[in-house]
């Protein structure tokens, strides 16, 4: 499932094709994905100008001049593909339609934005812009990890008395929005904290160190275009490259990269998800 860096990479790739540009024609090729599309979605999108593209957690929000916002979630295999001339980096002819091209946006600039989703776990919805934060998918999200409201005091308070493993706490979208399995593994390795340690048993100073580590890991991943393990592609079709810099995730059996450690990366299963960590230097 794409995490915050992958979604932010896609958002940035869509900017030159969509922002401040009219959707000349919207085509919807099926009734829905994970859930049905909103009624009349193609008509409600056609002729509307995209005023801005923003991200909330793992969701892309396209604000329209109609007063509505298009909410997009990529799901497990969703891709937003940009083609067409006049887009700086996107000098590609429009490709032939593919089987799983479910929504196509023909932009007035000549660009085409295609939402392709083979597994159909993605989401598209339309909501009044002023009510977007109250959408059922966004209403209970915690602060953005790259925003000012995510800070040491917030995380220390959120962990206080919590009896769940620290990994589960960081994956809780009510505590911090957008983190997923890959980047939590990397953050915990970087800070030397075991994923099985109870969140409420970690000292405040160690919890506080998680905040800059989270920002560093996410920033580096965004700069690298995210991580391409199976389905993720940037809007240009290029792969992300952060997977080549993993220190813990998917490195079971490899030597720990922490200087002077000498340990080996292990894999365990927590709540049905793989956790990768070094049992020597992560405590």
Protein backbone atom coordinates (compact mmCIF):
# COMPACT_ATOMS: atom_id res chain seq x y z
CA UNK A 1 0.00 0.00 0.00
CA UNK A 2 1.51 3.39 -0.92
CA UNK A 3 2.59 5.39 2.10
CA UNK A 4 3.03 9.12 2.55
CA UNK A 5 6.22 9.49 0.44
CA UNK A 6 4.71 7.65 -2.52
CA UNK A 7 1.49 9.69 -2.38
CA UNK A 8 3.40 12.97 -2.02
CA UNK A 9 5.59 12.00 -4.98
CA UNK A 10 2.49 11.36 -7.10
CA UNK A 11 0.93 14.66 -5.98
CA UNK A 12 4.03 16.59 -7.02
CA UNK A 13 4.09 14.79 -10.34
CA UNK A 14 0.48 15.77 -11.02
CA UNK A 15 1.01 19.47 -10.28
CA UNK A 16 2.27 20.60 -13.72
CA UNK A 17 -0.49 18.67 -15.46
CA UNK A 18 -3.45 19.60 -13.28
CA UNK A 19 -2.99 22.65 -11.08
CA UNK A 20 -4.76 25.78 -12.38
CA UNK A 21 -5.92 23.81 -15.43
CA UNK A 22 -9.43 22.98 -16.63
CA UNK A 23 -10.58 19.37 -16.92
CA UNK A 24 -11.81 19.52 -20.51
CA UNK A 25 -13.38 16.08 -20.30
CA UNK A 26 -13.68 13.45 -17.58
CA UNK A 27 -14.39 9.84 -18.54
CA UNK A 28 -15.45 7.25 -15.99
CA UNK A 29 -15.19 3.70 -17.31
CA UNK A 30 -16.83 1.76 -14.48
CA UNK A 31 -19.27 2.36 -11.63
CA UNK A 32 -16.69 2.42 -8.88
CA UNK A 33 -13.58 0.94 -7.31
CA UNK A 34 -13.53 -0.05 -3.65
CA UNK A 35 -16.84 1.82 -3.35
CA UNK A 36 -19.16 3.26 -6.01
CA UNK A 37 -18.17 6.58 -7.53
CA UNK A 38 -20.33 9.55 -6.53
CA UNK A 39 -23.35 10.17 -8.77
CA UNK A 40 -22.57 12.07 -11.97
CA UNK A 41 -18.84 12.21 -11.25
CA UNK A 42 -17.82 12.67 -14.89
CA UNK A 43 -20.25 15.56 -15.35
CA UNK A 44 -19.25 17.17 -12.05
CA UNK A 45 -15.57 17.10 -13.08
CA UNK A 46 -15.88 18.12 -16.72
CA UNK A 47 -15.28 21.83 -17.30
CA UNK A 48 -13.98 22.47 -13.78
CA UNK A 49 -10.67 24.14 -13.04
CA UNK A 50 -8.30 22.52 -10.56
CA UNK A 51 -7.39 25.30 -8.14
CA UNK A 52 -4.87 23.29 -6.17
CA UNK A 53 -3.59 19.84 -5.29
CA UNK A 54 -2.88 19.00 -1.69
CA UNK A 55 -2.25 15.88 0.35
CA UNK A 56 -3.78 14.72 3.63
CA UNK A 57 -2.13 11.59 4.97
CA UNK A 58 -2.26 9.08 2.09
CA UNK A 59 -4.98 10.96 0.18
CA UNK A 60 -4.66 13.45 -2.69
CA UNK A 61 -7.19 16.29 -2.69
CA UNK A 62 -7.88 18.26 -5.88
CA UNK A 63 -9.80 21.45 -5.07
CA UNK A 64 -12.09 22.56 -7.92
CA UNK A 65 -13.56 25.94 -8.79
CA UNK A 66 -17.03 24.38 -8.41
CA UNK A 67 -16.56 24.33 -4.64
CA UNK A 68 -16.03 20.58 -4.62
CA UNK A 69 -12.89 18.58 -3.92
CA UNK A 70 -11.91 15.36 -5.66
CA UNK A 71 -10.56 12.92 -3.06
CA UNK A 72 -8.20 10.24 -4.38
CA UNK A 73 -6.74 7.21 -2.63
CA UNK A 74 -4.46 4.94 -4.63
CA UNK A 75 -5.32 1.76 -2.76
CA UNK A 76 -2.95 -1.18 -3.18
CA UNK A 77 -2.21 -0.94 -6.89
CA UNK A 78 -3.58 2.40 -8.08
CA UNK A 79 -1.44 4.60 -10.32
CA UNK A 80 -1.95 8.12 -11.61
CA UNK A 81 -0.31 8.32 -15.03
CA UNK A 82 0.34 11.60 -16.87
CA UNK A 83 0.87 11.77 -20.63
CA UNK A 84 0.83 14.51 -23.25
CA UNK A 85 2.90 17.40 -24.52
CA UNK A 86 3.62 20.78 -23.00
CA UNK A 87 4.30 19.56 -19.47
CA UNK A 88 8.00 20.09 -19.01
CA UNK A 89 9.17 16.63 -17.96
CA UNK A 90 6.14 14.85 -19.40
CA UNK A 91 6.96 14.74 -23.11
CA UNK A 92 5.16 11.49 -23.83
CA UNK A 93 2.49 10.68 -26.37
CA UNK A 94 -0.74 9.33 -24.96
CA UNK A 95 -0.40 5.55 -24.57
CA UNK A 96 -3.01 3.12 -25.78
CA UNK A 97 -5.84 2.59 -23.26
CA UNK A 98 -5.25 -0.21 -20.79
CA UNK A 99 -7.75 -2.64 -19.29
CA UNK A 100 -7.69 -1.07 -15.85
CA UNK A 101 -7.83 2.63 -16.88
CA UNK A 102 -10.91 3.42 -14.79
CA UNK A 103 -10.94 7.24 -14.79
CA UNK A 104 -9.43 9.47 -17.47
CA UNK A 105 -9.10 13.26 -17.18
CA UNK A 106 -8.40 15.11 -20.41
CA UNK A 107 -6.89 18.44 -19.37
CA UNK A 108 -7.32 21.61 -21.43
CA UNK A 109 -3.51 21.85 -21.70
CA UNK A 110 -3.43 18.62 -23.74
CA UNK A 111 -2.25 16.50 -20.83
CA UNK A 112 -4.07 13.32 -19.91
CA UNK A 113 -4.30 12.05 -16.35
CA UNK A 114 -5.29 8.39 -16.06
CA UNK A 115 -6.19 6.52 -12.88
CA UNK A 116 -5.27 2.87 -13.42
CA UNK A 117 -6.04 0.35 -10.68
CA UNK A 118 -5.75 -3.38 -11.38
CA UNK A 119 -6.96 -4.54 -7.97
CA UNK A 120 -9.63 -1.85 -7.65
CA UNK A 121 -8.94 -1.01 -4.01
CA UNK A 122 -8.56 2.67 -4.84
CA UNK A 123 -11.06 5.39 -3.99
CA UNK A 124 -12.39 8.49 -5.72
CA UNK A 125 -15.02 10.70 -4.14
CA UNK A 126 -16.36 14.24 -4.44
CA UNK A 127 -17.04 16.33 -1.36
CA UNK A 128 -17.76 19.99 -0.67
CA UNK A 129 -14.35 21.65 -0.23
CA UNK A 130 -15.32 23.28 3.04
CA UNK A 131 -16.33 19.91 4.45
CA UNK A 132 -13.40 17.86 3.16
CA UNK A 133 -11.68 17.52 6.53
CA UNK A 134 -14.92 16.05 7.93
CA UNK A 135 -15.01 13.31 5.27
CA UNK A 136 -15.30 9.89 6.90
CA UNK A 137 -11.85 8.92 5.59
CA UNK A 138 -10.16 12.03 6.95
CA UNK A 139 -12.10 13.03 10.07
CA UNK A 140 -10.13 11.00 12.63
CA UNK A 141 -6.64 11.44 11.18
CA UNK A 142 -3.89 12.72 13.43
CA UNK A 143 -1.40 15.47 12.59
CA UNK A 144 0.75 15.43 9.48
CA UNK A 145 4.26 14.18 10.37
CA UNK A 146 5.86 16.97 8.32
CA UNK A 147 3.64 19.68 9.83
CA UNK A 148 4.15 21.90 12.86
CA UNK A 149 1.41 20.24 14.92
CA UNK A 150 3.41 17.01 14.98
CA UNK A 151 6.02 17.60 17.64
CA UNK A 152 7.73 16.00 20.62
CA UNK A 153 5.06 17.06 23.11
CA UNK A 154 2.30 15.57 20.99
CA UNK A 155 4.03 12.20 20.60
CA UNK A 156 5.05 11.92 24.25
CA UNK A 157 1.46 12.62 25.31
CA UNK A 158 0.07 10.15 22.75
CA UNK A 159 2.38 7.37 23.97
CA UNK A 160 1.83 7.98 27.68
CA UNK A 161 0.23 4.90 29.31
CA UNK A 162 -0.18 3.12 25.97
CA UNK A 163 0.31 -0.65 26.29
CA UNK A 164 0.59 -1.39 22.56
CA UNK A 165 3.92 -2.01 20.82
CA UNK A 166 5.57 1.16 19.57
CA UNK A 167 5.26 0.01 15.98
CA UNK A 168 1.48 -0.33 16.32
CA UNK A 169 1.33 3.10 17.94
CA UNK A 170 3.18 4.74 15.05
CA UNK A 171 0.92 2.97 12.55
CA UNK A 172 -2.16 4.34 14.34
CA UNK A 173 -3.37 7.05 11.96
CA UNK A 174 -5.03 8.88 14.87
CA UNK A 175 -1.60 9.49 16.41
CA UNK A 176 0.24 10.49 13.25
CA UNK A 177 -1.15 10.45 9.71
CA UNK A 178 0.47 8.79 6.73
CA UNK A 179 3.03 6.46 8.28
CA UNK A 180 3.01 2.86 7.07
CA UNK A 181 4.91 -0.35 7.63
CA UNK A 182 8.00 0.44 5.55
CA UNK A 183 8.86 3.80 7.04
CA UNK A 184 8.03 2.85 10.63
CA UNK A 185 10.55 -0.02 10.32
CA UNK A 186 13.15 2.42 9.02
CA UNK A 187 12.46 5.03 11.71
CA UNK A 188 12.66 2.50 14.55
CA UNK A 189 15.95 1.14 13.21
CA UNK A 190 17.37 4.64 12.89
CA UNK A 191 16.43 5.49 16.49
CA UNK A 192 17.50 2.14 17.97
CA UNK A 193 14.03 1.28 19.30
CA UNK A 194 12.68 -2.27 19.12
CA UNK A 195 9.29 -2.56 17.38
CA UNK A 196 8.02 -4.81 20.20
CA UNK A 197 8.74 -2.36 23.02
CA UNK A 198 5.57 -1.02 24.62
CA UNK A 199 4.98 2.59 23.61
CA UNK A 200 4.13 3.66 27.15
CA UNK A 201 7.36 2.18 28.53
CA UNK A 202 9.67 4.28 26.34
CA UNK A 203 11.21 7.27 28.08
CA UNK A 204 10.13 10.73 26.96
CA UNK A 205 13.58 11.60 25.63
CA UNK A 206 13.61 8.52 23.36
CA UNK A 207 10.06 9.19 22.19
CA UNK A 208 11.03 12.78 21.37
CA UNK A 209 13.88 11.52 19.16
CA UNK A 210 11.34 9.75 16.97
CA UNK A 211 9.98 13.06 15.67
CA UNK A 212 13.08 14.29 13.80
CA UNK A 213 13.80 10.73 12.65
CA UNK A 214 10.33 10.44 11.14
CA UNK A 215 10.79 13.73 9.31
CA UNK A 216 14.25 12.76 8.08
CA UNK A 217 13.18 9.35 6.76
CA UNK A 218 10.07 10.73 5.04
CA UNK A 219 12.02 13.63 3.54
CA UNK A 220 14.69 11.33 2.15
CA UNK A 221 12.04 8.98 0.73
CA UNK A 222 10.17 11.82 -0.98
CA UNK A 223 13.42 13.08 -2.47
CA UNK A 224 14.05 9.57 -3.84
CA UNK A 225 10.58 9.36 -5.39
CA UNK A 226 9.24 6.90 -2.83
CA UNK A 227 9.77 3.15 -2.72
CA UNK A 228 8.84 0.92 -5.66
CA UNK A 229 8.37 -2.62 -4.37
CA UNK A 230 5.55 -3.80 -6.60
CA UNK A 231 3.08 -1.27 -8.03
CA UNK A 232 4.28 2.24 -7.17
CA UNK A 233 5.22 4.47 -10.06
CA UNK A 234 5.65 8.20 -10.15
CA UNK A 235 3.21 10.17 -12.32
CA UNK A 236 5.82 10.14 -15.09
CA UNK A 237 5.93 6.33 -14.96
CA UNK A 238 9.37 6.26 -13.35
CA UNK A 239 10.19 4.07 -10.36
CA UNK A 240 10.96 5.37 -6.92
CA UNK A 241 14.42 4.59 -5.56
CA UNK A 242 14.27 4.70 -1.76
CA UNK A 243 14.08 0.88 -1.60
CA UNK A 244 17.78 0.85 -2.42
CA UNK A 245 18.44 2.72 0.83
CA UNK A 246 16.48 0.49 3.20
CA UNK A 247 18.42 -0.21 6.39
CA UNK A 248 15.87 -2.60 7.90
CA UNK A 249 12.75 -3.21 5.81
CA UNK A 250 12.91 -6.39 3.70
CA UNK A 251 16.53 -7.03 4.75
CA UNK A 252 16.06 -10.17 6.80
CA UNK A 253 19.37 -11.96 7.28
CA UNK A 254 21.48 -9.00 6.19
CA UNK A 255 24.09 -7.47 8.50
CA UNK A 256 22.87 -4.44 10.45
CA UNK A 257 24.21 -1.23 8.92
CA UNK A 258 24.51 0.61 12.24
CA UNK A 259 28.22 1.37 12.75
CA UNK A 260 29.81 -0.97 15.28
CA UNK A 261 26.66 -3.08 15.78
CA UNK A 262 27.53 -6.44 14.23
CA UNK A 263 23.96 -7.68 14.48
CA UNK A 264 21.67 -9.15 11.83
CA UNK A 265 18.29 -7.92 10.64
CA UNK A 266 15.44 -10.15 11.83
CA UNK A 267 11.86 -10.53 10.67
CA UNK A 268 8.88 -11.04 12.97
CA UNK A 269 5.14 -10.73 12.39
CA UNK A 270 3.13 -8.14 14.31
CA UNK A 271 -0.61 -7.86 13.74
CA UNK A 272 -0.25 -9.68 10.45
CA UNK A 273 2.54 -7.42 9.16
CA UNK A 274 6.24 -8.09 8.83
CA UNK A 275 8.54 -6.13 11.11
CA UNK A 276 12.24 -5.95 10.29
CA UNK A 277 14.69 -4.92 13.00
CA UNK A 278 18.07 -5.59 14.55
CA UNK A 279 17.81 -7.43 17.85
CA UNK A 280 21.29 -6.25 18.82
CA UNK A 281 21.06 -2.46 18.58
CA UNK A 282 17.29 -1.93 18.74
CA UNK A 283 16.12 -2.11 22.35
